[in-house]
């Protein structure tokens, strides 16, 4: 009876998003949140490069 109140499971929705990825560590940031044209990693100060990543949006 307790389990009858659950919502039906839905599939997560992912979207391709442009990000800045660090070349040295695992740090990344969405492009729309970075104001610099050639950003450096806030964690290790290395150069970052542009990539596309699938991010869950729902």
Protein backbone atom coordinates (compact mmCIF):
# COMPACT_ATOMS: atom_id res chain seq x y z
CA UNK A 1 0.00 0.00 0.00
CA UNK A 2 2.85 2.37 0.73
CA UNK A 3 4.37 1.75 -2.70
CA UNK A 4 1.18 2.58 -4.57
CA UNK A 5 1.78 6.33 -4.06
CA UNK A 6 5.03 6.41 -6.05
CA UNK A 7 5.29 8.46 -9.22
CA UNK A 8 6.09 6.53 -12.39
CA UNK A 9 9.80 6.41 -13.20
CA UNK A 10 10.80 8.69 -16.07
CA UNK A 11 13.91 8.59 -18.18
CA UNK A 12 16.44 11.37 -17.48
CA UNK A 13 16.83 13.95 -20.25
CA UNK A 14 20.33 14.89 -21.42
CA UNK A 15 21.45 17.72 -23.70
CA UNK A 16 24.75 18.43 -25.47
CA UNK A 17 26.30 21.46 -23.78
CA UNK A 18 29.46 23.39 -24.67
CA UNK A 19 31.93 23.41 -21.77
CA UNK A 20 35.47 24.45 -20.90
CA UNK A 21 37.46 21.35 -19.84
CA UNK A 22 40.79 21.56 -17.99
CA UNK A 23 43.73 19.94 -19.77
CA UNK A 24 45.29 18.70 -16.51
CA UNK A 25 42.61 17.91 -13.91
CA UNK A 26 38.95 16.89 -14.02
CA UNK A 27 37.58 20.43 -13.62
CA UNK A 28 35.07 21.81 -16.16
CA UNK A 29 32.59 24.67 -16.45
CA UNK A 30 29.69 25.48 -18.76
CA UNK A 31 30.70 27.99 -21.41
CA UNK A 32 27.90 30.44 -20.58
CA UNK A 33 29.29 30.85 -17.03
CA UNK A 34 32.83 31.79 -18.17
CA UNK A 35 33.48 35.36 -19.27
CA UNK A 36 37.10 34.94 -20.45
CA UNK A 37 37.98 33.92 -24.04
CA UNK A 38 41.00 31.85 -22.90
CA UNK A 39 40.16 30.71 -19.37
CA UNK A 40 42.51 29.05 -16.91
CA UNK A 41 41.42 26.33 -14.54
CA UNK A 42 40.39 27.72 -11.14
CA UNK A 43 41.71 24.58 -9.42
CA UNK A 44 45.15 24.03 -10.96
CA UNK A 45 45.64 27.16 -13.15
CA UNK A 46 46.13 25.10 -16.34
CA UNK A 47 44.82 25.95 -19.78
CA UNK A 48 41.24 24.94 -20.58
CA UNK A 49 39.87 23.84 -23.95
CA UNK A 50 36.37 23.86 -25.40
CA UNK A 51 34.42 20.57 -25.60
CA UNK A 52 30.87 19.25 -25.72
CA UNK A 53 29.44 17.23 -22.84
CA UNK A 54 26.07 15.56 -22.27
CA UNK A 55 24.53 17.14 -19.15
CA UNK A 56 21.33 16.00 -17.46
CA UNK A 57 18.70 18.72 -17.69
CA UNK A 58 15.69 16.90 -16.20
